[in-house]
Amino acid sequence: MNIETARTNNVSMQYFRFGNENGKPFVILPGVAIKSVMGSAELIAAQYAALAEHFDMYVIDRRKELPDKYSISDMADDTAAVMEHLSLQHAIVYGVSQGGMIAELIAADRPDLVDRLILCSTAPYLDEGSASAIDIWTERAAHKDIAGLTQAFAESVYTNSYCEMYRDAFTAFAAAVTEDDLERFIVIAGGTRGFDARDRLPSVKCPVLVIAGSEDRIFAPALSEEIARLTGGTLRIFAGQAHGVYDECPDVIGLIKDICI
């Protein structure tokens, strides 16, 4: 699968495309990652195969050349510019974790780009618990503690059983992390600080589906409940699932398929 680069306003952003080229655009905005998800394109395409039959799927990364500070608002502006550049108007936009925060702002500010908004494991603002998790991650990244960062990240995102099942995979992943990855991670994760979209969410007019795990250790379910209240959206909380419900629970993709088709 080819990784493409979109260039807009002197900004370069990578993306990949898969699925039904004649289908409705479906844009996935991933969350914070220690390594760019562009390296996992084949795995992601396989994960979303049930949707790829019907939709023209795009996964869009953050900008390549990062400034020292890169806010969620900046990320949303960049992503909206890429969507416009790729003619992705009237898309279904699925934002996960930090990607959900980006999607919230795009849906509020650019209704021409978003026909339906799906938000998973995200929040309308950063509370003390989520800010603490990000501080732990960025501190370990700053100290180049790759093993500690990977462990803390996995334990925050996934259930204990998932972490145990994929312990060897996480260890192998950590071995591939570079200092450049850490520097990028610090900027992108740090961009979440200060985010608050509560005054913007009531202006979202498209249909909204909010998905959460009942045991999310980063964004408590109450934050998803607040998004649903502010947007008039539909809320689905998966019992026993953690922040990484989007990876661990296949019913999430089934739910999205049922609602969007």
C-alpha atoms as a PDB file:
ATOM      1  CA  MET A   1       0.000   0.000   0.000  1.00  0.00           C
ATOM      2  CA  ASN A   2       1.374   3.389  -1.011  1.00  0.00           C
ATOM      3  CA  ILE A   3       1.910   6.179   1.485  1.00  0.00           C
ATOM      4  CA  GLU A   4       1.116   9.459  -0.242  1.00  0.00           C
ATOM      5  CA  THR A   5       1.983  13.026   0.713  1.00  0.00           C
ATOM      6  CA  ALA A   6      -0.425  15.945   0.421  1.00  0.00           C
ATOM      7  CA  ARG A   7       1.125  19.422   0.296  1.00  0.00           C
ATOM      8  CA  THR A   8      -1.009  22.414   1.241  1.00  0.00           C
ATOM      9  CA  ASN A   9      -0.018  25.876   2.488  1.00  0.00           C
ATOM     10  CA  ASN A  10       3.634  24.817   2.762  1.00  0.00           C
ATOM     11  CA  VAL A  11       2.611  21.891   4.988  1.00  0.00           C
ATOM     12  CA  SER A  12       3.230  18.230   4.072  1.00  0.00           C
ATOM     13  CA  MET A  13       1.007  15.507   5.532  1.00  0.00           C
ATOM     14  CA  GLN A  14       1.110  11.796   4.808  1.00  0.00           C
ATOM     15  CA  TYR A  15      -1.961   9.658   4.216  1.00  0.00           C
ATOM     16  CA  PHE A  16      -2.934   6.340   2.727  1.00  0.00           C
ATOM     17  CA  ARG A  17      -6.046   5.271   0.890  1.00  0.00           C
ATOM     18  CA  PHE A  18      -7.805   1.945   0.535  1.00  0.00           C
ATOM     19  CA  GLY A  19     -11.240   0.483  -0.036  1.00  0.00           C
ATOM     20  CA  ASN A  20     -13.935   1.265  -2.602  1.00  0.00           C
ATOM     21  CA  GLU A  21     -12.845   4.245  -4.706  1.00  0.00           C
ATOM     22  CA  ASN A  22     -16.455   4.738  -5.803  1.00  0.00           C
ATOM     23  CA  GLY A  23     -17.736   4.819  -2.250  1.00  0.00           C
ATOM     24  CA  LYS A  24     -18.444   7.735   0.049  1.00  0.00           C
ATOM     25  CA  PRO A  25     -15.284   9.234   1.592  1.00  0.00           C
ATOM     26  CA  PHE A  26     -14.517   7.866   5.051  1.00  0.00           C
ATOM     27  CA  VAL A  27     -11.694   9.650   6.877  1.00  0.00           C
ATOM     28  CA  ILE A  28      -9.933   8.073   9.874  1.00  0.00           C
ATOM     29  CA  LEU A  29      -8.032  10.416  12.196  1.00  0.00           C
ATOM     30  CA  PRO A  30      -5.859   8.330  14.536  1.00  0.00           C
ATOM     31  CA  GLY A  31      -4.837   9.204  18.052  1.00  0.00           C
ATOM     32  CA  VAL A  32      -1.420   9.942  19.482  1.00  0.00           C
ATOM     33  CA  ALA A  33       1.061   7.221  18.527  1.00  0.00           C
ATOM     34  CA  ILE A  34       4.664   6.603  19.577  1.00  0.00           C
ATOM     35  CA  LYS A  35       5.451   5.782  15.944  1.00  0.00           C
ATOM     36  CA  SER A  36       3.453   7.101  13.009  1.00  0.00           C
ATOM     37  CA  VAL A  37       0.547   4.861  11.997  1.00  0.00           C
ATOM     38  CA  MET A  38       1.712   5.181   8.405  1.00  0.00           C
ATOM     39  CA  GLY A  39       3.980   2.225   9.132  1.00  0.00           C
ATOM     40  CA  SER A  40       0.926   0.123   9.986  1.00  0.00           C
ATOM     41  CA  ALA A  41      -1.051   0.812   6.827  1.00  0.00           C
ATOM     42  CA  GLU A  42      -1.545  -2.824   5.857  1.00  0.00           C
ATOM     43  CA  LEU A  43      -2.692  -3.792   9.355  1.00  0.00           C
ATOM     44  CA  ILE A  44      -5.131  -0.886   9.502  1.00  0.00           C
ATOM     45  CA  ALA A  45      -6.566  -1.728   6.095  1.00  0.00           C
ATOM     46  CA  ALA A  46      -7.135  -5.303   7.253  1.00  0.00           C
ATOM     47  CA  GLN A  47      -8.742  -4.105  10.492  1.00  0.00           C
ATOM     48  CA  TYR A  48     -11.252  -1.975   8.572  1.00  0.00           C
ATOM     49  CA  ALA A  49     -11.911  -4.447   5.761  1.00  0.00           C
ATOM     50  CA  ALA A  50     -15.640  -4.615   6.580  1.00  0.00           C
ATOM     51  CA  LEU A  51     -15.935  -0.876   5.965  1.00  0.00           C
ATOM     52  CA  ALA A  52     -13.546  -0.822   3.007  1.00  0.00           C
ATOM     53  CA  GLU A  53     -16.036  -2.805   0.934  1.00  0.00           C
ATOM     54  CA  HIS A  54     -18.373   0.181   0.986  1.00  0.00           C
ATOM     55  CA  PHE A  55     -16.293   3.315   1.557  1.00  0.00           C
ATOM     56  CA  ASP A  56     -13.354   5.182   0.060  1.00  0.00           C
ATOM     57  CA  MET A  57     -11.107   5.057   3.130  1.00  0.00           C
ATOM     58  CA  TYR A  58      -8.407   7.587   4.021  1.00  0.00           C
ATOM     59  CA  VAL A  59      -6.106   7.622   7.053  1.00  0.00           C
ATOM     60  CA  ILE A  60      -4.479  11.030   7.552  1.00  0.00           C
ATOM     61  CA  ASP A  61      -1.413  11.625   9.726  1.00  0.00           C
ATOM     62  CA  ARG A  62      -0.201  14.848  11.399  1.00  0.00           C
ATOM     63  CA  ARG A  63       2.104  17.192   9.468  1.00  0.00           C
ATOM     64  CA  LYS A  64       5.625  15.948   8.695  1.00  0.00           C
ATOM     65  CA  GLU A  65       7.629  19.038   9.658  1.00  0.00           C
ATOM     66  CA  LEU A  66       6.474  19.800  13.183  1.00  0.00           C
ATOM     67  CA  PRO A  67       6.741  23.224  14.815  1.00  0.00           C
ATOM     68  CA  ASP A  68       7.862  23.448  18.434  1.00  0.00           C
ATOM     69  CA  LYS A  69       4.220  23.728  19.491  1.00  0.00           C
ATOM     70  CA  TYR A  70       1.397  22.064  17.594  1.00  0.00           C
ATOM     71  CA  SER A  71      -2.075  22.530  19.069  1.00  0.00           C
ATOM     72  CA  ILE A  72      -5.230  20.562  18.348  1.00  0.00           C
ATOM     73  CA  SER A  73      -6.535  23.647  16.557  1.00  0.00           C
ATOM     74  CA  ASP A  74      -3.446  23.643  14.312  1.00  0.00           C
ATOM     75  CA  MET A  75      -3.901  19.929  13.647  1.00  0.00           C
ATOM     76  CA  ALA A  76      -7.551  20.489  12.729  1.00  0.00           C
ATOM     77  CA  ASP A  77      -6.669  23.326  10.329  1.00  0.00           C
ATOM     78  CA  ASP A  78      -4.006  21.168   8.657  1.00  0.00           C
ATOM     79  CA  THR A  79      -6.317  18.173   8.352  1.00  0.00           C
ATOM     80  CA  ALA A  80      -9.181  20.241   6.959  1.00  0.00           C
ATOM     81  CA  ALA A  81      -6.812  21.704   4.346  1.00  0.00           C
ATOM     82  CA  VAL A  82      -5.734  18.198   3.303  1.00  0.00           C
ATOM     83  CA  MET A  83      -9.345  17.011   3.109  1.00  0.00           C
ATOM     84  CA  GLU A  84     -10.185  19.963   0.881  1.00  0.00           C
ATOM     85  CA  HIS A  85      -7.062  19.317  -1.230  1.00  0.00           C
ATOM     86  CA  LEU A  86      -8.144  15.684  -1.710  1.00  0.00           C
ATOM     87  CA  SER A  87     -11.766  16.692  -2.470  1.00  0.00           C
ATOM     88  CA  LEU A  88     -13.063  14.895   0.604  1.00  0.00           C
ATOM     89  CA  GLN A  89     -16.164  16.997   1.110  1.00  0.00           C
ATOM     90  CA  HIS A  90     -19.232  15.484   2.787  1.00  0.00           C
ATOM     91  CA  ALA A  91     -17.185  12.706   4.350  1.00  0.00           C
ATOM     92  CA  ILE A  92     -17.768  10.421   7.270  1.00  0.00           C
ATOM     93  CA  VAL A  93     -15.080  11.415   9.759  1.00  0.00           C
ATOM     94  CA  TYR A  94     -13.995   8.928  12.423  1.00  0.00           C
ATOM     95  CA  GLY A  95     -11.715  10.382  15.072  1.00  0.00           C
ATOM     96  CA  VAL A  96     -10.025   8.240  17.704  1.00  0.00           C
ATOM     97  CA  SER A  97      -8.649   9.720  20.959  1.00  0.00           C
ATOM     98  CA  GLN A  98      -6.682  12.858  19.976  1.00  0.00           C
ATOM     99  CA  GLY A  99      -7.979  12.297  16.441  1.00  0.00           C
ATOM    100  CA  GLY A 100     -11.469  12.695  17.878  1.00  0.00           C
ATOM    101  CA  MET A 101     -10.530  16.093  19.276  1.00  0.00           C
ATOM    102  CA  ILE A 102      -9.309  17.120  15.835  1.00  0.00           C
ATOM    103  CA  ALA A 103     -12.528  15.803  14.287  1.00  0.00           C
ATOM    104  CA  GLU A 104     -14.654  17.779  16.754  1.00  0.00           C
ATOM    105  CA  LEU A 105     -13.140  21.067  15.599  1.00  0.00           C
ATOM    106  CA  ILE A 106     -13.377  20.182  11.904  1.00  0.00           C
ATOM    107  CA  ALA A 107     -17.049  19.262  12.254  1.00  0.00           C
ATOM    108  CA  ALA A 108     -17.761  22.485  14.140  1.00  0.00           C
ATOM    109  CA  ASP A 109     -15.860  24.799  11.782  1.00  0.00           C
ATOM    110  CA  ARG A 110     -16.170  23.059   8.401  1.00  0.00           C
ATOM    111  CA  PRO A 111     -19.627  21.483   8.064  1.00  0.00           C
ATOM    112  CA  ASP A 112     -19.033  21.216   4.322  1.00  0.00           C
ATOM    113  CA  LEU A 113     -16.407  18.550   4.990  1.00  0.00           C
ATOM    114  CA  VAL A 114     -18.305  16.375   7.476  1.00  0.00           C
ATOM    115  CA  ASP A 115     -21.611  14.612   6.819  1.00  0.00           C
ATOM    116  CA  ARG A 116     -21.338  12.300   9.836  1.00  0.00           C
ATOM    117  CA  LEU A 117     -19.051  12.430  12.858  1.00  0.00           C
ATOM    118  CA  ILE A 118     -17.917   9.345  14.764  1.00  0.00           C
ATOM    119  CA  LEU A 119     -15.881   9.895  17.922  1.00  0.00           C
ATOM    120  CA  CYS A 120     -14.225   7.075  19.845  1.00  0.00           C
ATOM    121  CA  SER A 121     -12.370   7.191  23.171  1.00  0.00           C
ATOM    122  CA  THR A 122     -12.072  10.957  23.148  1.00  0.00           C
ATOM    123  CA  ALA A 123     -13.072  14.030  25.123  1.00  0.00           C
ATOM    124  CA  PRO A 124     -14.429  17.578  24.769  1.00  0.00           C
ATOM    125  CA  TYR A 125     -11.600  18.906  26.939  1.00  0.00           C
ATOM    126  CA  LEU A 126      -8.554  17.694  28.831  1.00  0.00           C
ATOM    127  CA  ASP A 127      -9.335  16.912  32.473  1.00  0.00           C
ATOM    128  CA  GLU A 128      -6.818  16.257  35.255  1.00  0.00           C
ATOM    129  CA  GLY A 129      -6.729  12.494  34.719  1.00  0.00           C
ATOM    130  CA  SER A 130      -6.014  12.663  31.011  1.00  0.00           C
ATOM    131  CA  ALA A 131      -3.510  15.480  31.465  1.00  0.00           C
ATOM    132  CA  SER A 132      -1.664  13.343  34.011  1.00  0.00           C
ATOM    133  CA  ALA A 133      -1.403  10.418  31.583  1.00  0.00           C
ATOM    134  CA  ILE A 134       0.017  12.660  28.872  1.00  0.00           C
ATOM    135  CA  ASP A 135       2.507  14.185  31.324  1.00  0.00           C
ATOM    136  CA  ILE A 136       3.774  10.706  32.261  1.00  0.00           C
ATOM    137  CA  TRP A 137       4.204   9.752  28.609  1.00  0.00           C
ATOM    138  CA  THR A 138       5.996  12.923  27.579  1.00  0.00           C
ATOM    139  CA  GLU A 139       8.265  12.833  30.629  1.00  0.00           C
ATOM    140  CA  ARG A 140       9.402   9.298  29.790  1.00  0.00           C
ATOM    141  CA  ALA A 141       9.868  10.255  26.159  1.00  0.00           C
ATOM    142  CA  ALA A 142      11.935  13.274  27.174  1.00  0.00           C
ATOM    143  CA  HIS A 143      14.185  10.991  29.237  1.00  0.00           C
ATOM    144  CA  LYS A 144      14.438   8.599  26.260  1.00  0.00           C
ATOM    145  CA  ASP A 145      12.941   5.834  28.403  1.00  0.00           C
ATOM    146  CA  ILE A 146      11.496   3.920  25.466  1.00  0.00           C
ATOM    147  CA  ALA A 147      10.681   0.756  27.417  1.00  0.00           C
ATOM    148  CA  GLY A 148       9.012   2.767  30.179  1.00  0.00           C
ATOM    149  CA  LEU A 149       7.055   4.874  27.693  1.00  0.00           C
ATOM    150  CA  THR A 150       5.852   1.839  25.763  1.00  0.00           C
ATOM    151  CA  GLN A 151       4.750   0.103  28.947  1.00  0.00           C
ATOM    152  CA  ALA A 152       2.979   3.171  30.354  1.00  0.00           C
ATOM    153  CA  PHE A 153       1.296   3.856  27.016  1.00  0.00           C
ATOM    154  CA  ALA A 154       0.083   0.270  26.578  1.00  0.00           C
ATOM    155  CA  GLU A 155      -1.168   0.013  30.158  1.00  0.00           C
ATOM    156  CA  SER A 156      -3.077   3.292  29.793  1.00  0.00           C
ATOM    157  CA  VAL A 157      -4.664   2.362  26.477  1.00  0.00           C
ATOM    158  CA  TYR A 158      -5.448  -1.349  26.686  1.00  0.00           C
ATOM    159  CA  THR A 159      -7.005  -3.830  29.091  1.00  0.00           C
ATOM    160  CA  ASN A 160      -4.699  -5.913  31.279  1.00  0.00           C
ATOM    161  CA  SER A 161      -5.543  -9.069  29.339  1.00  0.00           C
ATOM    162  CA  TYR A 162      -4.667  -7.414  26.007  1.00  0.00           C
ATOM    163  CA  CYS A 163      -1.351  -6.134  27.379  1.00  0.00           C
ATOM    164  CA  GLU A 164      -0.485  -9.606  28.601  1.00  0.00           C
ATOM    165  CA  MET A 165      -1.490 -11.246  25.319  1.00  0.00           C
ATOM    166  CA  TYR A 166       0.649  -8.881  23.256  1.00  0.00           C
ATOM    167  CA  ARG A 167       3.511  -8.363  25.700  1.00  0.00           C
ATOM    168  CA  ASP A 168       6.113  -9.706  23.233  1.00  0.00           C
ATOM    169  CA  ALA A 169       4.730  -7.526  20.453  1.00  0.00           C
ATOM    170  CA  PHE A 170       5.029  -4.414  22.621  1.00  0.00           C
ATOM    171  CA  THR A 171       8.624  -5.352  23.457  1.00  0.00           C
ATOM    172  CA  ALA A 172       9.460  -5.757  19.763  1.00  0.00           C
ATOM    173  CA  PHE A 173       7.709  -2.467  18.998  1.00  0.00           C
ATOM    174  CA  ALA A 174       9.820  -0.629  21.600  1.00  0.00           C
ATOM    175  CA  ALA A 175      12.999  -1.897  19.947  1.00  0.00           C
ATOM    176  CA  ALA A 176      12.000  -0.096  16.731  1.00  0.00           C
ATOM    177  CA  VAL A 177      11.344   3.312  18.333  1.00  0.00           C
ATOM    178  CA  THR A 178      13.901   5.987  17.448  1.00  0.00           C
ATOM    179  CA  GLU A 179      14.890   9.290  19.049  1.00  0.00           C
ATOM    180  CA  ASP A 180      13.168  11.078  16.158  1.00  0.00           C
ATOM    181  CA  ASP A 181       9.979   9.170  17.025  1.00  0.00           C
ATOM    182  CA  LEU A 182      10.282  10.343  20.636  1.00  0.00           C
ATOM    183  CA  GLU A 183      10.760  13.983  19.652  1.00  0.00           C
ATOM    184  CA  ARG A 184       7.737  13.830  17.364  1.00  0.00           C
ATOM    185  CA  PHE A 185       5.687  12.095  20.029  1.00  0.00           C
ATOM    186  CA  ILE A 186       6.471  14.805  22.598  1.00  0.00           C
ATOM    187  CA  VAL A 187       5.229  17.578  20.301  1.00  0.00           C
ATOM    188  CA  ILE A 188       2.076  15.783  19.165  1.00  0.00           C
ATOM    189  CA  ALA A 189       1.073  14.496  22.595  1.00  0.00           C
ATOM    190  CA  GLY A 190       1.868  17.875  24.146  1.00  0.00           C
ATOM    191  CA  GLY A 191      -0.455  19.569  21.666  1.00  0.00           C
ATOM    192  CA  THR A 192      -3.418  18.149  23.544  1.00  0.00           C
ATOM    193  CA  ARG A 193      -2.705  20.345  26.581  1.00  0.00           C
ATOM    194  CA  GLY A 194      -5.171  23.193  26.901  1.00  0.00           C
ATOM    195  CA  PHE A 195      -7.715  21.654  24.517  1.00  0.00           C
ATOM    196  CA  ASP A 196     -11.323  22.608  25.256  1.00  0.00           C
ATOM    197  CA  ALA A 197     -14.055  22.373  22.607  1.00  0.00           C
ATOM    198  CA  ARG A 198     -17.083  22.595  24.883  1.00  0.00           C
ATOM    199  CA  ASP A 199     -18.129  25.976  23.498  1.00  0.00           C
ATOM    200  CA  ARG A 200     -17.763  24.735  19.913  1.00  0.00           C
ATOM    201  CA  LEU A 201     -19.547  21.394  20.068  1.00  0.00           C
ATOM    202  CA  PRO A 202     -23.128  22.762  20.107  1.00  0.00           C
ATOM    203  CA  SER A 203     -22.492  24.126  16.596  1.00  0.00           C
ATOM    204  CA  VAL A 204     -21.969  20.606  15.197  1.00  0.00           C
ATOM    205  CA  LYS A 205     -25.092  19.905  13.137  1.00  0.00           C
ATOM    206  CA  CYS A 206     -24.302  16.573  11.478  1.00  0.00           C
ATOM    207  CA  PRO A 207     -25.267  13.210  13.056  1.00  0.00           C
ATOM    208  CA  VAL A 208     -22.822  12.237  15.812  1.00  0.00           C
ATOM    209  CA  LEU A 209     -21.991   8.808  17.236  1.00  0.00           C
ATOM    210  CA  VAL A 210     -19.893   8.751  20.413  1.00  0.00           C
ATOM    211  CA  ILE A 211     -18.183   5.484  21.429  1.00  0.00           C
ATOM    212  CA  ALA A 212     -16.388   4.792  24.701  1.00  0.00           C
ATOM    213  CA  GLY A 213     -15.099   1.977  26.883  1.00  0.00           C
ATOM    214  CA  SER A 214     -16.479   1.810  30.401  1.00  0.00           C
ATOM    215  CA  GLU A 215     -12.975   1.235  31.811  1.00  0.00           C
ATOM    216  CA  ASP A 216     -11.130   3.949  29.855  1.00  0.00           C
ATOM    217  CA  ARG A 217      -8.153   5.015  31.999  1.00  0.00           C
ATOM    218  CA  ILE A 218      -7.383   8.119  29.912  1.00  0.00           C
ATOM    219  CA  PHE A 219     -10.754   9.679  29.077  1.00  0.00           C
ATOM    220  CA  ALA A 220     -13.457   8.714  31.570  1.00  0.00           C
ATOM    221  CA  PRO A 221     -16.845   7.760  30.053  1.00  0.00           C
ATOM    222  CA  ALA A 222     -18.345  10.915  31.586  1.00  0.00           C
ATOM    223  CA  LEU A 223     -16.360  12.904  29.000  1.00  0.00           C
ATOM    224  CA  SER A 224     -18.006  10.975  26.172  1.00  0.00           C
ATOM    225  CA  GLU A 225     -21.365  11.537  27.816  1.00  0.00           C
ATOM    226  CA  GLU A 226     -20.658  15.273  27.743  1.00  0.00           C
ATOM    227  CA  ILE A 227     -19.821  15.183  24.026  1.00  0.00           C
ATOM    228  CA  ALA A 228     -23.110  13.393  23.310  1.00  0.00           C
ATOM    229  CA  ARG A 229     -25.025  15.928  25.397  1.00  0.00           C
ATOM    230  CA  LEU A 230     -23.406  18.945  23.744  1.00  0.00           C
ATOM    231  CA  THR A 231     -23.887  17.627  20.183  1.00  0.00           C
ATOM    232  CA  GLY A 232     -27.198  15.807  20.629  1.00  0.00           C
ATOM    233  CA  GLY A 233     -25.359  12.685  19.512  1.00  0.00           C
ATOM    234  CA  THR A 234     -25.885   8.995  20.162  1.00  0.00           C
ATOM    235  CA  LEU A 235     -23.730   7.436  22.883  1.00  0.00           C
ATOM    236  CA  ARG A 236     -22.568   3.810  23.045  1.00  0.00           C
ATOM    237  CA  ILE A 237     -20.419   2.651  25.971  1.00  0.00           C
ATOM    238  CA  PHE A 238     -18.883  -0.822  25.723  1.00  0.00           C
ATOM    239  CA  ALA A 239     -18.810  -2.527  29.102  1.00  0.00           C
ATOM    240  CA  GLY A 240     -15.462  -3.863  30.278  1.00  0.00           C
ATOM    241  CA  GLN A 241     -13.529  -2.143  27.493  1.00  0.00           C
ATOM    242  CA  ALA A 242     -10.610   0.271  27.932  1.00  0.00           C
ATOM    243  CA  HIS A 243      -9.457   3.283  25.927  1.00  0.00           C
ATOM    244  CA  GLY A 244      -8.337   0.991  23.106  1.00  0.00           C
ATOM    245  CA  VAL A 245     -11.868  -0.305  22.506  1.00  0.00           C
ATOM    246  CA  TYR A 246     -11.336   0.626  18.836  1.00  0.00           C
ATOM    247  CA  ASP A 247      -8.599  -2.047  18.581  1.00  0.00           C
ATOM    248  CA  GLU A 248      -9.816  -4.626  21.079  1.00  0.00           C
ATOM    249  CA  CYS A 249     -13.546  -4.831  20.353  1.00  0.00           C
ATOM    250  CA  PRO A 250     -14.638  -5.882  16.846  1.00  0.00           C
ATOM    251  CA  ASP A 251     -18.188  -4.796  17.681  1.00  0.00           C
ATOM    252  CA  VAL A 252     -17.045  -1.180  17.257  1.00  0.00           C
ATOM    253  CA  ILE A 253     -16.543  -1.588  13.518  1.00  0.00           C
ATOM    254  CA  GLY A 254     -19.789  -3.538  13.308  1.00  0.00           C
ATOM    255  CA  LEU A 255     -21.629  -0.679  15.004  1.00  0.00           C
ATOM    256  CA  ILE A 256     -20.090   1.890  12.658  1.00  0.00           C
ATOM    257  CA  LYS A 257     -21.014  -0.225   9.641  1.00  0.00           C
ATOM    258  CA  ASP A 258     -24.604  -0.628  10.790  1.00  0.00           C
ATOM    259  CA  ILE A 259     -25.045   3.104  11.320  1.00  0.00           C
ATOM    260  CA  CYS A 260     -23.278   4.307   8.172  1.00  0.00           C
ATOM    261  CA  ILE A 261     -24.606   1.899   5.549  1.00  0.00           C
END
